[in-house]
Structures are given as C-alpha cells and as structure tokens.
Amino acid sequence: MDFLDAWFRCGFHLQESPVTSPNEYFLASIETASPYQLHKMVVDAAVRNARFAVEQWNTADFDDVLEALAKARACVAELMNGVREDAAPDLASRQQALFAFCYKQLVMADVERSPDHAANGLRILMIHQETWQLLGEKLAAANAAGIPQPNHLRVNRPNSLQSTGRHTSDQGDELPGSGFSMWT
C-alpha cells in the first residue's frame, strides 16, 4: 500500500500555498513530523471524520456520511497496522483490541445504518486522542527538562534526521510500518 494513498483515504486534503505546490507542502509536513506527530495526525483525522458522520447522520446527503465513515475506518486501520508488539506485548494487544472494536463499530454503523455504532467508535477515538495529547504534553515537558526520549516517542523530530524522502530513525534504518507506529 502506498503511504500517500493511506493518508488520502484517511481524509487528508492538500491546501494551496503561494510558495509550494500542495504535494510539496504535504510531503514536507510528513517528512519533518516525528512518529508521535504522524500518529496524532491520523488520530485527529479519524476523530474528525467519525465526528462528522455522527453529527451529520440525519442530513439529506447521506453519501457524505458514508464517505466520512470510510475515511474514519481507513484511519483506524492505519492505527491498527502501526501497533508493534515487540516493546510491550500486553499493552500492544490491548491497544489492538481497542482499535479492532472501534473499527467494528464504524463498520456496523455503515452496515446497520446505526448512528449509535458510529458514536461508540467516536467515543473510543476521542479517548485515544485525549490520551495521546496527554502523552505529548508529558513528553514535551520531559524534553524541556532535558530528559532524553526514545526516537519513537519524540514529540519533535531530532535535528539529526535529514529529509531523505523516507521516514528514518537516527541510525538510518527505515521505520517499520507506515511511519506512525506507537511501538517501533
């Protein structure tokens, strides 16, 4: 699966810039983002799309609701693919189960035309979004205090990472998955 295809399925849109083309801006924002920030972008897109579906459920244009559900599901699938078990297998297993439940709720919302299922998925995503935000605040505070952070949890991309057109770690190894894993 192509990295940009996954991002577009999650509902990311390119914006015009007078200096750069939309693709250049989009790629630059990805290349300079830390794994924490990339994960946050996907979570935010999942929440945004699920919230739109829930809020617009009874609108005249139900196709937009279904499209938002599909984008939210694509984001959740990307989140599920980003969980790595090597660092903390028990935690990773629980996180996978939570994302799987959320994904199932978003599927059931579509299949059964049930706003309750969509709301259940949204609640799970919002809890994860809030938890991820709190983690980011703690990591930023630790960073400000000079406490070193592992690469996969850095809130800011270290200066030693050069833009090579692919996501790399400080050692030059390509990050597994799509680049926004919580556990790599």
Protein backbone atom coordinates (compact mmCIF):
# COMPACT_ATOMS: atom_id res chain seq x y z
CA MET A 1 0.00 0.00 0.00
CA ASP A 2 1.30 3.43 -0.93
CA PHE A 3 1.89 5.76 2.02
CA LEU A 4 0.15 8.75 0.42
CA ASP A 5 -2.83 6.62 -0.61
CA ALA A 6 -3.31 5.68 3.03
CA TRP A 7 -3.21 9.33 4.07
CA PHE A 8 -5.71 10.39 1.45
CA ARG A 9 -8.06 7.54 2.44
CA CYS A 10 -7.90 8.94 6.00
CA GLY A 11 -9.29 12.22 4.71
CA PHE A 12 -6.23 14.43 4.47
CA HIS A 13 -6.58 17.21 1.96
CA LEU A 14 -3.86 19.24 0.34
CA GLN A 15 -4.03 23.00 0.67
CA GLU A 16 -2.72 25.50 -1.84
CA SER A 17 0.32 27.51 -0.87
CA PRO A 18 1.69 30.50 -2.81
CA VAL A 19 5.26 29.22 -2.33
CA THR A 20 4.96 25.48 -2.87
CA SER A 21 2.62 23.12 -4.63
CA PRO A 22 0.13 21.21 -2.48
CA ASN A 23 2.07 17.96 -2.91
CA GLU A 24 5.36 19.58 -1.86
CA TYR A 25 3.74 21.13 1.21
CA PHE A 26 2.07 17.86 2.17
CA LEU A 27 5.21 15.78 1.71
CA ALA A 28 7.34 18.31 3.60
CA SER A 29 4.95 18.25 6.55
CA ILE A 30 5.14 14.45 6.66
CA GLU A 31 8.91 14.29 6.27
CA THR A 32 9.51 16.74 9.09
CA ALA A 33 7.00 15.24 11.51
CA SER A 34 8.01 12.92 14.31
CA PRO A 35 6.35 9.50 14.64
CA TYR A 36 4.35 10.98 17.54
CA GLN A 37 3.09 13.79 15.29
CA LEU A 38 2.27 11.42 12.43
CA HIS A 39 0.25 9.19 14.75
CA LYS A 40 -1.52 12.28 16.10
CA MET A 41 -2.42 13.39 12.57
CA VAL A 42 -4.05 10.04 11.84
CA VAL A 43 -5.92 10.01 15.16
CA ASP A 44 -7.13 13.56 14.56
CA ALA A 45 -8.33 12.63 11.06
CA ALA A 46 -10.15 9.58 12.42
CA VAL A 47 -11.88 11.70 15.07
CA ARG A 48 -12.72 14.46 12.58
CA ASN A 49 -14.31 12.02 10.13
CA ALA A 50 -16.17 9.98 12.75
CA ARG A 51 -17.46 13.18 14.38
CA PHE A 52 -18.66 14.47 11.01
CA ALA A 53 -20.52 11.19 10.41
CA VAL A 54 -22.21 11.31 13.82
CA GLU A 55 -23.12 14.99 13.59
CA GLN A 56 -24.38 14.78 10.00
CA TRP A 57 -26.15 11.41 10.30
CA ASN A 58 -29.63 12.73 9.57
CA THR A 59 -28.67 15.03 6.72
CA ALA A 60 -30.15 14.85 3.27
CA ASP A 61 -26.79 13.87 1.72
CA PHE A 62 -26.08 10.55 3.42
CA ASP A 63 -23.30 9.78 0.92
CA ASP A 64 -21.09 12.31 2.71
CA VAL A 65 -21.72 10.48 5.99
CA LEU A 66 -20.78 7.15 4.43
CA GLU A 67 -17.64 8.67 2.93
CA ALA A 68 -16.65 10.07 6.34
CA LEU A 69 -17.19 6.65 7.92
CA ALA A 70 -14.98 5.06 5.26
CA LYS A 71 -12.23 7.60 5.92
CA ALA A 72 -12.50 7.06 9.68
CA ARG A 73 -12.22 3.30 9.14
CA ALA A 74 -9.15 3.79 6.94
CA CYS A 75 -7.53 5.83 9.69
CA VAL A 76 -8.33 3.22 12.33
CA ALA A 77 -6.90 0.51 10.05
CA GLU A 78 -3.69 2.54 9.80
CA LEU A 79 -3.61 2.88 13.59
CA MET A 80 -4.07 -0.87 13.96
CA ASN A 81 -1.25 -1.53 11.49
CA GLY A 82 1.04 0.77 13.46
CA VAL A 83 0.86 -1.13 16.73
CA ARG A 84 4.06 -3.13 17.32
CA GLU A 85 4.17 -5.89 19.89
CA ASP A 86 7.93 -6.12 20.43
CA ALA A 87 8.20 -3.34 23.06
CA ALA A 88 5.16 -4.14 25.22
CA PRO A 89 3.18 -7.17 24.03
CA ASP A 90 0.39 -6.94 26.63
CA LEU A 91 -0.19 -3.24 26.06
CA ALA A 92 0.02 -3.68 22.29
CA SER A 93 -2.54 -6.50 22.42
CA ARG A 94 -4.97 -4.36 24.41
CA GLN A 95 -4.48 -1.43 22.05
CA GLN A 96 -5.07 -3.67 19.03
CA ALA A 97 -8.29 -4.95 20.62
CA LEU A 98 -9.47 -1.40 21.28
CA PHE A 99 -8.77 -0.31 17.71
CA ALA A 100 -10.45 -3.50 16.41
CA PHE A 101 -13.56 -2.73 18.48
CA CYS A 102 -13.58 0.82 17.15
CA TYR A 103 -13.19 -0.42 13.58
CA LYS A 104 -16.03 -2.90 14.07
CA GLN A 105 -18.29 -0.14 15.41
CA LEU A 106 -17.58 2.01 12.36
CA VAL A 107 -18.30 -0.95 10.06
CA MET A 108 -21.54 -1.73 11.90
CA ALA A 109 -22.57 1.92 11.66
CA ASP A 110 -22.34 1.59 7.89
CA VAL A 111 -23.87 -1.88 7.58
CA GLU A 112 -26.74 -1.35 10.02
CA ARG A 113 -27.11 2.37 9.30
CA SER A 114 -26.75 2.95 13.03
CA PRO A 115 -25.61 6.31 14.41
CA ASP A 116 -25.18 4.60 17.81
CA HIS A 117 -22.39 2.41 16.44
CA ALA A 118 -20.71 5.46 14.89
CA ALA A 119 -20.96 7.28 18.24
CA ASN A 120 -19.38 4.29 20.01
CA GLY A 121 -16.45 4.33 17.60
CA LEU A 122 -16.10 8.09 18.01
CA ARG A 123 -16.00 7.78 21.82
CA ILE A 124 -13.11 5.28 21.63
CA LEU A 125 -11.24 7.52 19.20
CA MET A 126 -11.75 10.61 21.35
CA ILE A 127 -10.42 8.81 24.44
CA HIS A 128 -7.35 7.72 22.47
CA GLN A 129 -6.93 11.25 21.10
CA GLU A 130 -7.05 12.73 24.61
CA THR A 131 -4.61 10.12 25.94
CA TRP A 132 -2.24 10.75 23.04
CA GLN A 133 -2.42 14.50 23.68
CA LEU A 134 -1.59 13.98 27.37
CA LEU A 135 1.35 11.77 26.38
CA GLY A 136 2.57 14.53 24.07
CA GLU A 137 2.38 17.09 26.86
CA LYS A 138 4.37 14.82 29.20
CA LEU A 139 6.95 14.15 26.50
CA ALA A 140 7.26 17.86 25.75
CA ALA A 141 7.77 18.60 29.46
CA ALA A 142 10.40 15.86 29.68
CA ASN A 143 12.09 17.25 26.58
CA ALA A 144 12.10 20.76 28.06
CA ALA A 145 13.67 19.33 31.23
CA GLY A 146 16.43 17.75 29.15
CA ILE A 147 15.31 14.17 29.72
CA PRO A 148 16.22 12.11 26.64
CA GLN A 149 13.38 10.43 24.77
CA PRO A 150 13.44 7.36 22.56
CA ASN A 151 13.05 8.15 18.85
CA HIS A 152 9.60 6.59 18.54
CA LEU A 153 8.18 8.81 21.30
CA ARG A 154 9.79 12.13 20.41
CA VAL A 155 7.33 14.96 20.07
CA ASN A 156 9.76 16.95 17.92
CA ARG A 157 11.81 15.47 15.12
CA PRO A 158 15.50 15.45 16.08
CA ASN A 159 17.86 17.59 14.01
CA SER A 160 19.92 14.54 13.07
CA LEU A 161 17.06 13.24 10.93
CA GLN A 162 17.60 14.52 7.43
CA SER A 163 14.81 14.66 4.91
CA THR A 164 15.51 11.77 2.56
CA GLY A 165 12.04 11.24 1.22
CA ARG A 166 11.53 8.30 3.58
CA HIS A 167 10.99 8.01 7.29
CA THR A 168 14.18 7.11 9.11
CA SER A 169 15.46 6.74 12.61
CA ASP A 170 18.69 8.30 13.89
CA GLN A 171 20.53 5.14 12.89
CA GLY A 172 19.33 5.49 9.29
CA ASP A 173 17.05 2.45 9.46
CA GLU A 174 13.70 2.77 7.83
CA LEU A 175 10.89 2.80 10.36
CA PRO A 176 8.69 -0.28 10.15
CA GLY A 177 5.10 0.13 9.08
CA SER A 178 3.84 3.37 7.70
CA GLY A 179 5.87 5.64 9.97
CA PHE A 180 3.48 6.47 12.75
CA SER A 181 3.77 3.46 14.98
CA MET A 182 3.37 3.78 18.69
CA TRP A 183 5.74 0.92 19.33
CA THR A 184 8.57 0.97 16.78
